[in-house]
Amino acid sequence: MRGPHLCLSIALALLPGCSAIEALLDQGRTPIVYVDIVDTVSAQQSLKVPRAALERGARAAMQDWSDFAFREAQAGEEKWQLDLRVGLVTERRADPDKARAPDADVVHRALGLTLKLHALGATERVPSDVQVSALVTRDEARQVPLEKLAEHAVVEAGQRMQTAMELYWGPESAVSAGLSSQVEWQRGMSADAAGVRALKSAVPALMNMVQNKDEAPELVVKAVGALLAIGDPRAAPAIIDACRHQSPQYVVQMLFALGVLGGRQAQGYLFTVQSGHPDPAVRQAAASALEELERRRDPAPAAP
């Protein structure tokens, strides 16, 4: 890479494999007019991510998107930009494997990156930007070029971006289906989309996520955040149930969520915790959450 920052503006004519038929099909899709690739990681270590691999991955990812294409914008069209950020590149000797020869020179590689698609100017889409991340790892012979892993990581992130577009801009049914997905990152992304779009139809599924004791804690937090953004008091029982048999640190987070959510059930639970929980930090958090609930319910009158 030439320096830590690489800003890339590619002309379609310079992209290999671009045909007149592809260009014609692209005209029906929203134009991405600029691609910005920044890799600060490779500049700080000996392991270099080939620029060409990131470019090829970005092009392959965009070709698979249903609503966007990398092309010049016509007069009056909204313009979008794609940002690609390499955030992690590591390589170490792979752990022993019975299927490999003991002296095999095999390394464990990991590459993490983010893609962000955002509008250049006003747009009717809400939200006007979408960001996804991908982390790809594999064991491979040291002599295998790193570019294969890099290109694969960009394509993987591109597939997640297509899913994100469907969740944020597609029908509500896509979000409902995503919340019940067997894939963890899809559930998390669906919870984020439900909160941003304030989808009341997603409340039951989000409540199930919160109450599911086998759900990853970070996804429970996402689901609670979505419920708060939606602001439906029906979610209070699920959040209360999630507090049972949890650590004081976890309970404190849920108490503040109940203070924001409000409602009679939330108020009653906070009062009970404030009065009788054995942990003083939890009692104090409940008192603060009650104050927040009261403040939201009875806002101070505006100054004359």
C-alpha atoms as a PDB file:
ATOM      1  CA  MET A   1       0.000   0.000   0.000  1.00  0.00           C
ATOM      2  CA  ARG A   2       1.210   3.483  -0.726  1.00  0.00           C
ATOM      3  CA  GLY A   3       0.974   5.057   2.710  1.00  0.00           C
ATOM      4  CA  PRO A   4      -1.566   4.349   5.453  1.00  0.00           C
ATOM      5  CA  HIS A   5      -4.523   5.923   3.609  1.00  0.00           C
ATOM      6  CA  LEU A   6      -5.728   4.905   0.192  1.00  0.00           C
ATOM      7  CA  CYS A   7      -8.544   6.901  -1.377  1.00  0.00           C
ATOM      8  CA  LEU A   8      -9.843   5.203  -4.489  1.00  0.00           C
ATOM      9  CA  SER A   9     -12.020   6.695  -7.221  1.00  0.00           C
ATOM     10  CA  ILE A  10     -12.366   4.092  -9.956  1.00  0.00           C
ATOM     11  CA  ALA A  11     -13.716   4.760 -13.434  1.00  0.00           C
ATOM     12  CA  LEU A  12     -16.008   2.015 -14.670  1.00  0.00           C
ATOM     13  CA  ALA A  13     -14.068   1.742 -17.885  1.00  0.00           C
ATOM     14  CA  LEU A  14     -10.978   0.739 -15.925  1.00  0.00           C
ATOM     15  CA  LEU A  15     -12.676  -2.075 -14.050  1.00  0.00           C
ATOM     16  CA  PRO A  16     -11.903  -5.477 -15.575  1.00  0.00           C
ATOM     17  CA  GLY A  17     -14.849  -7.544 -16.716  1.00  0.00           C
ATOM     18  CA  CYS A  18     -17.242  -4.619 -17.159  1.00  0.00           C
ATOM     19  CA  SER A  19     -19.397  -5.147 -20.250  1.00  0.00           C
ATOM     20  CA  ALA A  20     -21.818  -2.904 -22.082  1.00  0.00           C
ATOM     21  CA  ILE A  21     -24.668  -5.185 -20.966  1.00  0.00           C
ATOM     22  CA  GLU A  22     -23.650  -4.834 -17.308  1.00  0.00           C
ATOM     23  CA  ALA A  23     -23.458  -1.063 -17.660  1.00  0.00           C
ATOM     24  CA  LEU A  24     -26.951  -1.004 -19.183  1.00  0.00           C
ATOM     25  CA  LEU A  25     -28.371  -3.112 -16.347  1.00  0.00           C
ATOM     26  CA  ASP A  26     -26.717  -0.845 -13.780  1.00  0.00           C
ATOM     27  CA  GLN A  27     -28.711   2.156 -15.007  1.00  0.00           C
ATOM     28  CA  GLY A  28     -31.756   0.990 -13.086  1.00  0.00           C
ATOM     29  CA  ARG A  29     -29.888   0.965  -9.781  1.00  0.00           C
ATOM     30  CA  THR A  30     -28.924   3.832  -7.481  1.00  0.00           C
ATOM     31  CA  PRO A  31     -25.412   5.050  -8.355  1.00  0.00           C
ATOM     32  CA  ILE A  32     -22.416   4.681  -6.081  1.00  0.00           C
ATOM     33  CA  VAL A  33     -20.125   7.364  -7.466  1.00  0.00           C
ATOM     34  CA  TYR A  34     -17.143   7.029  -5.140  1.00  0.00           C
ATOM     35  CA  VAL A  35     -15.370   4.225  -3.312  1.00  0.00           C
ATOM     36  CA  ASP A  36     -13.038   5.163  -0.461  1.00  0.00           C
ATOM     37  CA  ILE A  37     -10.638   2.468   0.780  1.00  0.00           C
ATOM     38  CA  VAL A  38      -8.587   3.134   3.895  1.00  0.00           C
ATOM     39  CA  ASP A  39      -6.165   0.638   5.411  1.00  0.00           C
ATOM     40  CA  THR A  40      -4.246   1.984   8.385  1.00  0.00           C
ATOM     41  CA  VAL A  41      -3.406  -1.470   9.713  1.00  0.00           C
ATOM     42  CA  SER A  42      -1.039  -2.705   7.021  1.00  0.00           C
ATOM     43  CA  ALA A  43       1.105   0.415   7.289  1.00  0.00           C
ATOM     44  CA  GLN A  44       1.867  -0.419  10.930  1.00  0.00           C
ATOM     45  CA  GLN A  45       3.070  -3.988  10.419  1.00  0.00           C
ATOM     46  CA  SER A  46       4.885  -6.226   7.993  1.00  0.00           C
ATOM     47  CA  LEU A  47       1.710  -8.054   6.911  1.00  0.00           C
ATOM     48  CA  LYS A  48       0.386  -6.125   3.911  1.00  0.00           C
ATOM     49  CA  VAL A  49      -3.115  -6.308   2.472  1.00  0.00           C
ATOM     50  CA  PRO A  50      -2.862  -6.099  -1.332  1.00  0.00           C
ATOM     51  CA  ARG A  51      -4.749  -3.096  -2.669  1.00  0.00           C
ATOM     52  CA  ALA A  52      -5.807  -4.923  -5.803  1.00  0.00           C
ATOM     53  CA  ALA A  53      -7.569  -7.594  -3.749  1.00  0.00           C
ATOM     54  CA  LEU A  54      -9.634  -4.989  -1.906  1.00  0.00           C
ATOM     55  CA  GLU A  55     -10.565  -3.383  -5.219  1.00  0.00           C
ATOM     56  CA  ARG A  56     -11.611  -6.699  -6.741  1.00  0.00           C
ATOM     57  CA  GLY A  57     -13.603  -7.589  -3.649  1.00  0.00           C
ATOM     58  CA  ALA A  58     -15.382  -4.220  -3.666  1.00  0.00           C
ATOM     59  CA  ARG A  59     -16.314  -4.602  -7.320  1.00  0.00           C
ATOM     60  CA  ALA A  60     -17.578  -8.162  -6.828  1.00  0.00           C
ATOM     61  CA  ALA A  61     -19.616  -7.096  -3.803  1.00  0.00           C
ATOM     62  CA  MET A  62     -21.273  -4.197  -5.600  1.00  0.00           C
ATOM     63  CA  GLN A  63     -22.151  -6.359  -8.594  1.00  0.00           C
ATOM     64  CA  ASP A  64     -24.295  -8.557  -6.349  1.00  0.00           C
ATOM     65  CA  TRP A  65     -26.317  -5.684  -4.857  1.00  0.00           C
ATOM     66  CA  SER A  66     -29.872  -5.415  -6.112  1.00  0.00           C
ATOM     67  CA  ASP A  67     -30.438  -1.681  -5.617  1.00  0.00           C
ATOM     68  CA  PHE A  68     -27.000  -0.077  -6.058  1.00  0.00           C
ATOM     69  CA  ALA A  69     -24.347  -0.039  -8.782  1.00  0.00           C
ATOM     70  CA  PHE A  70     -20.954   1.611  -9.127  1.00  0.00           C
ATOM     71  CA  ARG A  71     -21.470   4.057 -11.996  1.00  0.00           C
ATOM     72  CA  GLU A  72     -21.657   7.714 -12.909  1.00  0.00           C
ATOM     73  CA  ALA A  73     -24.808   9.493 -11.783  1.00  0.00           C
ATOM     74  CA  GLN A  74     -27.178  11.060 -14.252  1.00  0.00           C
ATOM     75  CA  ALA A  75     -28.617  14.536 -13.729  1.00  0.00           C
ATOM     76  CA  GLY A  76     -31.006  14.567 -10.788  1.00  0.00           C
ATOM     77  CA  GLU A  77     -30.007  11.165  -9.391  1.00  0.00           C
ATOM     78  CA  GLU A  78     -29.059  10.795  -5.737  1.00  0.00           C
ATOM     79  CA  LYS A  79     -25.401   9.904  -5.242  1.00  0.00           C
ATOM     80  CA  TRP A  80     -23.933   7.471  -2.742  1.00  0.00           C
ATOM     81  CA  GLN A  81     -20.459   6.605  -1.481  1.00  0.00           C
ATOM     82  CA  LEU A  82     -19.013   3.316  -0.274  1.00  0.00           C
ATOM     83  CA  ASP A  83     -16.339   3.363   2.452  1.00  0.00           C
ATOM     84  CA  LEU A  84     -14.174   0.309   3.053  1.00  0.00           C
ATOM     85  CA  ARG A  85     -12.070   0.275   6.219  1.00  0.00           C
ATOM     86  CA  VAL A  86      -9.579  -2.462   7.073  1.00  0.00           C
ATOM     87  CA  GLY A  87      -9.497  -2.713  10.864  1.00  0.00           C
ATOM     88  CA  LEU A  88      -7.642  -5.946  11.607  1.00  0.00           C
ATOM     89  CA  VAL A  89      -4.980  -8.055   9.927  1.00  0.00           C
ATOM     90  CA  THR A  90      -3.214 -10.782  11.922  1.00  0.00           C
ATOM     91  CA  GLU A  91      -1.152 -13.864  11.221  1.00  0.00           C
ATOM     92  CA  ARG A  92       0.265 -16.455  13.613  1.00  0.00           C
ATOM     93  CA  ARG A  93       1.334 -20.062  13.448  1.00  0.00           C
ATOM     94  CA  ALA A  94      -1.728 -22.290  13.305  1.00  0.00           C
ATOM     95  CA  ASP A  95      -2.612 -24.566  16.191  1.00  0.00           C
ATOM     96  CA  PRO A  96      -1.590 -28.224  15.791  1.00  0.00           C
ATOM     97  CA  ASP A  97      -3.914 -30.343  13.680  1.00  0.00           C
ATOM     98  CA  LYS A  98      -3.864 -34.124  13.486  1.00  0.00           C
ATOM     99  CA  ALA A  99      -4.746 -33.962   9.809  1.00  0.00           C
ATOM    100  CA  ARG A 100      -1.616 -31.981   8.983  1.00  0.00           C
ATOM    101  CA  ALA A 101       2.000 -32.977   8.902  1.00  0.00           C
ATOM    102  CA  PRO A 102       3.748 -31.846  12.127  1.00  0.00           C
ATOM    103  CA  ASP A 103       6.254 -29.759  10.194  1.00  0.00           C
ATOM    104  CA  ALA A 104       3.717 -28.114   7.859  1.00  0.00           C
ATOM    105  CA  ASP A 105       4.171 -24.351   7.623  1.00  0.00           C
ATOM    106  CA  VAL A 106       0.550 -23.368   8.234  1.00  0.00           C
ATOM    107  CA  VAL A 107      -0.576 -20.017   9.642  1.00  0.00           C
ATOM    108  CA  HIS A 108      -3.832 -18.770  11.144  1.00  0.00           C
ATOM    109  CA  ARG A 109      -4.914 -15.535   9.473  1.00  0.00           C
ATOM    110  CA  ALA A 110      -7.661 -13.104  10.347  1.00  0.00           C
ATOM    111  CA  LEU A 111      -8.889 -10.037   8.496  1.00  0.00           C
ATOM    112  CA  GLY A 112     -11.610  -7.720   9.747  1.00  0.00           C
ATOM    113  CA  LEU A 113     -13.175  -4.808   7.885  1.00  0.00           C
ATOM    114  CA  THR A 114     -16.235  -2.599   7.700  1.00  0.00           C
ATOM    115  CA  LEU A 115     -18.315  -1.360   4.791  1.00  0.00           C
ATOM    116  CA  LYS A 116     -20.367   1.802   5.066  1.00  0.00           C
ATOM    117  CA  LEU A 117     -22.790   2.976   2.416  1.00  0.00           C
ATOM    118  CA  HIS A 118     -23.943   6.564   2.804  1.00  0.00           C
ATOM    119  CA  ALA A 119     -25.729   9.214   0.783  1.00  0.00           C
ATOM    120  CA  LEU A 120     -23.947  12.266  -0.556  1.00  0.00           C
ATOM    121  CA  GLY A 121     -26.656  14.819   0.130  1.00  0.00           C
ATOM    122  CA  ALA A 122     -30.343  14.544   0.919  1.00  0.00           C
ATOM    123  CA  THR A 123     -32.143  11.243   0.454  1.00  0.00           C
ATOM    124  CA  GLU A 124     -35.569   9.861   1.246  1.00  0.00           C
ATOM    125  CA  ARG A 125     -34.091   6.628   2.623  1.00  0.00           C
ATOM    126  CA  VAL A 126     -34.146   6.203   6.403  1.00  0.00           C
ATOM    127  CA  PRO A 127     -31.526   5.597   7.590  1.00  0.00           C
ATOM    128  CA  SER A 128     -29.394   7.393   5.014  1.00  0.00           C
ATOM    129  CA  ASP A 129     -26.353   5.248   5.806  1.00  0.00           C
ATOM    130  CA  VAL A 130     -25.799   1.585   6.608  1.00  0.00           C
ATOM    131  CA  GLN A 131     -22.662  -0.021   8.048  1.00  0.00           C
ATOM    132  CA  VAL A 132     -21.696  -3.678   8.374  1.00  0.00           C
ATOM    133  CA  SER A 133     -18.621  -5.550   9.593  1.00  0.00           C
ATOM    134  CA  ALA A 134     -17.078  -8.877   8.710  1.00  0.00           C
ATOM    135  CA  LEU A 135     -14.275 -10.922  10.274  1.00  0.00           C
ATOM    136  CA  VAL A 136     -12.880 -13.787   8.197  1.00  0.00           C
ATOM    137  CA  THR A 137     -10.376 -16.305   9.592  1.00  0.00           C
ATOM    138  CA  ARG A 138      -8.709 -19.358   8.116  1.00  0.00           C
ATOM    139  CA  ASP A 139      -5.741 -21.683   8.423  1.00  0.00           C
ATOM    140  CA  GLU A 140      -3.666 -21.899   5.264  1.00  0.00           C
ATOM    141  CA  ALA A 141      -0.128 -22.463   4.055  1.00  0.00           C
ATOM    142  CA  ARG A 142       2.105 -19.493   4.617  1.00  0.00           C
ATOM    143  CA  GLN A 143       2.879 -19.261   0.900  1.00  0.00           C
ATOM    144  CA  VAL A 144      -0.786 -18.734  -0.017  1.00  0.00           C
ATOM    145  CA  PRO A 145      -1.170 -15.057  -1.010  1.00  0.00           C
ATOM    146  CA  LEU A 146      -2.986 -12.926   1.550  1.00  0.00           C
ATOM    147  CA  GLU A 147      -5.004 -11.372  -1.271  1.00  0.00           C
ATOM    148  CA  LYS A 148      -7.337 -14.381  -1.384  1.00  0.00           C
ATOM    149  CA  LEU A 149      -8.382 -13.855   2.221  1.00  0.00           C
ATOM    150  CA  ALA A 150      -8.714 -10.096   1.681  1.00  0.00           C
ATOM    151  CA  GLU A 151     -10.938 -10.468  -1.348  1.00  0.00           C
ATOM    152  CA  HIS A 152     -13.069 -13.059   0.427  1.00  0.00           C
ATOM    153  CA  ALA A 153     -13.521 -10.747   3.434  1.00  0.00           C
ATOM    154  CA  VAL A 154     -14.765  -7.893   1.243  1.00  0.00           C
ATOM    155  CA  VAL A 155     -17.225 -10.175  -0.555  1.00  0.00           C
ATOM    156  CA  GLU A 156     -18.458 -11.508   2.814  1.00  0.00           C
ATOM    157  CA  ALA A 157     -19.020  -7.950   4.045  1.00  0.00           C
ATOM    158  CA  GLY A 158     -20.776  -7.160   0.770  1.00  0.00           C
ATOM    159  CA  GLN A 159     -23.215 -10.010   1.310  1.00  0.00           C
ATOM    160  CA  ARG A 160     -23.968  -8.669   4.765  1.00  0.00           C
ATOM    161  CA  MET A 161     -24.522  -5.226   3.243  1.00  0.00           C
ATOM    162  CA  GLN A 162     -27.157  -6.661   0.895  1.00  0.00           C
ATOM    163  CA  THR A 163     -28.891  -8.188   3.919  1.00  0.00           C
ATOM    164  CA  ALA A 164     -28.689  -4.850   5.729  1.00  0.00           C
ATOM    165  CA  MET A 165     -30.295  -3.052   2.782  1.00  0.00           C
ATOM    166  CA  GLU A 166     -33.207  -5.487   2.873  1.00  0.00           C
ATOM    167  CA  LEU A 167     -33.597  -5.054   6.634  1.00  0.00           C
ATOM    168  CA  TYR A 168     -33.386  -1.249   6.702  1.00  0.00           C
ATOM    169  CA  TRP A 169     -35.189  -0.420   3.468  1.00  0.00           C
ATOM    170  CA  GLY A 170     -37.249  -3.509   2.680  1.00  0.00           C
ATOM    171  CA  PRO A 171     -40.601  -4.752   3.998  1.00  0.00           C
ATOM    172  CA  GLU A 172     -41.186  -5.217   7.726  1.00  0.00           C
ATOM    173  CA  SER A 173     -41.478  -8.941   7.125  1.00  0.00           C
ATOM    174  CA  ALA A 174     -37.747  -9.065   6.340  1.00  0.00           C
ATOM    175  CA  VAL A 175     -36.982  -7.763   9.837  1.00  0.00           C
ATOM    176  CA  SER A 176     -39.353 -10.234  11.464  1.00  0.00           C
ATOM    177  CA  ALA A 177     -37.708 -13.102   9.594  1.00  0.00           C
ATOM    178  CA  GLY A 178     -34.238 -11.852  10.517  1.00  0.00           C
ATOM    179  CA  LEU A 179     -35.063 -11.758  14.221  1.00  0.00           C
ATOM    180  CA  SER A 180     -35.746 -15.497  14.144  1.00  0.00           C
ATOM    181  CA  SER A 181     -32.710 -16.344  12.014  1.00  0.00           C
ATOM    182  CA  GLN A 182     -30.335 -19.092  13.137  1.00  0.00           C
ATOM    183  CA  VAL A 183     -27.414 -16.796  12.208  1.00  0.00           C
ATOM    184  CA  GLU A 184     -26.321 -14.622  15.128  1.00  0.00           C
ATOM    185  CA  TRP A 185     -25.185 -11.583  13.149  1.00  0.00           C
ATOM    186  CA  GLN A 186     -28.471 -11.546  11.241  1.00  0.00           C
ATOM    187  CA  ARG A 187     -30.439 -11.448  14.497  1.00  0.00           C
ATOM    188  CA  GLY A 188     -28.297  -8.593  15.771  1.00  0.00           C
ATOM    189  CA  MET A 189     -28.600  -6.629  12.537  1.00  0.00           C
ATOM    190  CA  SER A 190     -32.353  -7.226  12.498  1.00  0.00           C
ATOM    191  CA  ALA A 191     -32.665  -5.898  16.050  1.00  0.00           C
ATOM    192  CA  ASP A 192     -30.764  -2.761  15.057  1.00  0.00           C
ATOM    193  CA  ALA A 193     -33.009  -2.273  12.024  1.00  0.00           C
ATOM    194  CA  ALA A 194     -36.170  -2.766  14.095  1.00  0.00           C
ATOM    195  CA  GLY A 195     -35.038  -0.026  16.463  1.00  0.00           C
ATOM    196  CA  VAL A 196     -34.041   2.426  13.742  1.00  0.00           C
ATOM    197  CA  ARG A 197     -37.322   1.869  11.922  1.00  0.00           C
ATOM    198  CA  ALA A 198     -39.336   1.839  15.186  1.00  0.00           C
ATOM    199  CA  LEU A 199     -41.228  -1.255  14.071  1.00  0.00           C
ATOM    200  CA  LYS A 200     -43.960  -2.112  16.562  1.00  0.00           C
ATOM    201  CA  SER A 201     -44.537  -5.336  14.652  1.00  0.00           C
ATOM    202  CA  ALA A 202     -41.094  -6.485  15.828  1.00  0.00           C
ATOM    203  CA  VAL A 203     -41.842  -6.064  19.551  1.00  0.00           C
ATOM    204  CA  PRO A 204     -42.927  -9.694  20.230  1.00  0.00           C
ATOM    205  CA  ALA A 205     -39.833 -11.124  18.517  1.00  0.00           C
ATOM    206  CA  LEU A 206     -37.561  -8.679  20.335  1.00  0.00           C
ATOM    207  CA  MET A 207     -39.160  -9.649  23.635  1.00  0.00           C
ATOM    208  CA  ASN A 208     -38.433 -13.293  22.840  1.00  0.00           C
ATOM    209  CA  MET A 209     -34.780 -12.423  22.240  1.00  0.00           C
ATOM    210  CA  VAL A 210     -34.576 -10.649  25.594  1.00  0.00           C
ATOM    211  CA  GLN A 211     -36.156 -13.566  27.441  1.00  0.00           C
ATOM    212  CA  ASN A 212     -34.147 -16.266  25.687  1.00  0.00           C
ATOM    213  CA  LYS A 213     -31.582 -17.421  28.238  1.00  0.00           C
ATOM    214  CA  ASP A 214     -29.464 -18.953  25.477  1.00  0.00           C
ATOM    215  CA  GLU A 215     -29.179 -15.693  23.539  1.00  0.00           C
ATOM    216  CA  ALA A 216     -25.797 -13.967  23.425  1.00  0.00           C
ATOM    217  CA  PRO A 217     -25.652 -11.121  26.000  1.00  0.00           C
ATOM    218  CA  GLU A 218     -24.630  -8.555  23.369  1.00  0.00           C
ATOM    219  CA  LEU A 219     -27.676  -9.455  21.298  1.00  0.00           C
ATOM    220  CA  VAL A 220     -29.934  -9.100  24.333  1.00  0.00           C
ATOM    221  CA  VAL A 221     -28.560  -5.586  24.776  1.00  0.00           C
ATOM    222  CA  LYS A 222     -29.280  -4.858  21.101  1.00  0.00           C
ATOM    223  CA  ALA A 223     -32.828  -6.139  21.495  1.00  0.00           C
ATOM    224  CA  VAL A 224     -33.397  -4.009  24.597  1.00  0.00           C
ATOM    225  CA  GLY A 225     -32.032  -0.974  22.750  1.00  0.00           C
ATOM    226  CA  ALA A 226     -34.458  -1.620  19.908  1.00  0.00           C
ATOM    227  CA  LEU A 227     -37.374  -1.923  22.333  1.00  0.00           C
ATOM    228  CA  LEU A 228     -36.421   1.397  23.894  1.00  0.00           C
ATOM    229  CA  ALA A 229     -36.243   3.036  20.473  1.00  0.00           C
ATOM    230  CA  ILE A 230     -39.701   1.675  19.644  1.00  0.00           C
ATOM    231  CA  GLY A 231     -40.975   2.811  23.041  1.00  0.00           C
ATOM    232  CA  ASP A 232     -43.623   0.155  23.570  1.00  0.00           C
ATOM    233  CA  PRO A 233     -44.394  -0.388  27.308  1.00  0.00           C
ATOM    234  CA  ARG A 234     -45.475  -3.964  26.484  1.00  0.00           C
ATOM    235  CA  ALA A 235     -41.775  -4.835  26.544  1.00  0.00           C
ATOM    236  CA  ALA A 236     -41.436  -4.158  30.292  1.00  0.00           C
ATOM    237  CA  PRO A 237     -42.290  -7.723  31.444  1.00  0.00           C
ATOM    238  CA  ALA A 238     -39.655  -9.208  29.124  1.00  0.00           C
ATOM    239  CA  ILE A 239     -36.956  -6.880  30.429  1.00  0.00           C
ATOM    240  CA  ILE A 240     -38.011  -7.574  34.019  1.00  0.00           C
ATOM    241  CA  ASP A 241     -37.856 -11.311  33.363  1.00  0.00           C
ATOM    242  CA  ALA A 242     -34.362 -10.917  31.904  1.00  0.00           C
ATOM    243  CA  CYS A 243     -33.166  -9.518  35.237  1.00  0.00           C
ATOM    244  CA  ARG A 244     -33.792 -12.718  37.135  1.00  0.00           C
ATOM    245  CA  HIS A 245     -30.688 -14.568  38.343  1.00  0.00           C
ATOM    246  CA  GLN A 246     -28.364 -12.095  36.650  1.00  0.00           C
ATOM    247  CA  SER A 247     -25.343 -10.222  37.959  1.00  0.00           C
ATOM    248  CA  PRO A 248     -25.833  -6.789  39.563  1.00  0.00           C
ATOM    249  CA  GLN A 249     -23.982  -5.166  36.635  1.00  0.00           C
ATOM    250  CA  TYR A 250     -26.413  -6.698  34.164  1.00  0.00           C
ATOM    251  CA  VAL A 251     -29.448  -5.792  36.262  1.00  0.00           C
ATOM    252  CA  VAL A 252     -28.326  -2.162  36.465  1.00  0.00           C
ATOM    253  CA  GLN A 253     -28.392  -1.900  32.659  1.00  0.00           C
ATOM    254  CA  MET A 254     -31.902  -3.321  32.525  1.00  0.00           C
ATOM    255  CA  LEU A 255     -33.110  -0.976  35.276  1.00  0.00           C
ATOM    256  CA  PHE A 256     -32.048   2.096  33.352  1.00  0.00           C
ATOM    257  CA  ALA A 257     -33.773   0.648  30.287  1.00  0.00           C
ATOM    258  CA  LEU A 258     -37.000   0.307  32.292  1.00  0.00           C
ATOM    259  CA  GLY A 259     -36.661   3.905  33.430  1.00  0.00           C
ATOM    260  CA  VAL A 260     -36.549   5.019  29.816  1.00  0.00           C
ATOM    261  CA  LEU A 261     -39.321   2.676  28.680  1.00  0.00           C
ATOM    262  CA  GLY A 262     -41.755   3.669  31.423  1.00  0.00           C
ATOM    263  CA  GLY A 263     -45.199   2.258  32.089  1.00  0.00           C
ATOM    264  CA  ARG A 264     -46.948   0.954  35.191  1.00  0.00           C
ATOM    265  CA  GLN A 265     -45.172  -2.399  35.291  1.00  0.00           C
ATOM    266  CA  ALA A 266     -41.751  -0.809  34.924  1.00  0.00           C
ATOM    267  CA  GLN A 267     -42.535   1.672  37.682  1.00  0.00           C
ATOM    268  CA  GLY A 268     -43.742  -1.034  40.049  1.00  0.00           C
ATOM    269  CA  TYR A 269     -40.681  -3.202  39.489  1.00  0.00           C
ATOM    270  CA  LEU A 270     -38.282  -0.293  39.958  1.00  0.00           C
ATOM    271  CA  PHE A 271     -39.984   0.656  43.209  1.00  0.00           C
ATOM    272  CA  THR A 272     -39.687  -2.937  44.465  1.00  0.00           C
ATOM    273  CA  VAL A 273     -36.000  -3.137  43.578  1.00  0.00           C
ATOM    274  CA  GLN A 274     -35.297   0.256  45.129  1.00  0.00           C
ATOM    275  CA  SER A 275     -36.889  -0.865  48.363  1.00  0.00           C
ATOM    276  CA  GLY A 276     -35.638  -4.399  48.764  1.00  0.00           C
ATOM    277  CA  HIS A 277     -32.705  -5.459  46.579  1.00  0.00           C
ATOM    278  CA  PRO A 278     -29.737  -6.698  48.650  1.00  0.00           C
ATOM    279  CA  ASP A 279     -27.142  -4.873  46.520  1.00  0.00           C
ATOM    280  CA  PRO A 280     -26.889  -1.142  47.358  1.00  0.00           C
ATOM    281  CA  ALA A 281     -25.621  -0.298  43.857  1.00  0.00           C
ATOM    282  CA  VAL A 282     -28.693  -1.929  42.343  1.00  0.00           C
ATOM    283  CA  ARG A 283     -30.989  -0.078  44.777  1.00  0.00           C
ATOM    284  CA  GLN A 284     -29.357   3.211  43.808  1.00  0.00           C
ATOM    285  CA  ALA A 285     -29.703   2.393  40.095  1.00  0.00           C
ATOM    286  CA  ALA A 286     -33.394   1.626  40.600  1.00  0.00           C
ATOM    287  CA  ALA A 287     -33.880   4.964  42.406  1.00  0.00           C
ATOM    288  CA  SER A 288     -32.172   6.812  39.553  1.00  0.00           C
ATOM    289  CA  ALA A 289     -34.267   4.929  36.988  1.00  0.00           C
ATOM    290  CA  LEU A 290     -37.422   5.874  38.883  1.00  0.00           C
ATOM    291  CA  GLU A 291     -36.398   9.505  38.764  1.00  0.00           C
ATOM    292  CA  GLU A 292     -35.878   9.206  35.014  1.00  0.00           C
ATOM    293  CA  LEU A 293     -39.275   7.557  34.609  1.00  0.00           C
ATOM    294  CA  GLU A 294     -40.970  10.323  36.581  1.00  0.00           C
ATOM    295  CA  ARG A 295     -39.146  13.005  34.628  1.00  0.00           C
ATOM    296  CA  ARG A 296     -40.282  11.532  31.324  1.00  0.00           C
ATOM    297  CA  ARG A 297     -43.827  11.116  32.526  1.00  0.00           C
ATOM    298  CA  ASP A 298     -44.117  14.632  33.996  1.00  0.00           C
ATOM    299  CA  PRO A 299     -41.715  16.885  32.074  1.00  0.00           C
ATOM    300  CA  ALA A 300     -40.961  20.264  33.587  1.00  0.00           C
ATOM    301  CA  PRO A 301     -43.215  23.037  32.236  1.00  0.00           C
ATOM    302  CA  ALA A 302     -41.646  25.295  29.629  1.00  0.00           C
ATOM    303  CA  ALA A 303     -40.368  28.627  30.845  1.00  0.00           C
ATOM    304  CA  PRO A 304     -42.766  31.509  30.069  1.00  0.00           C
END
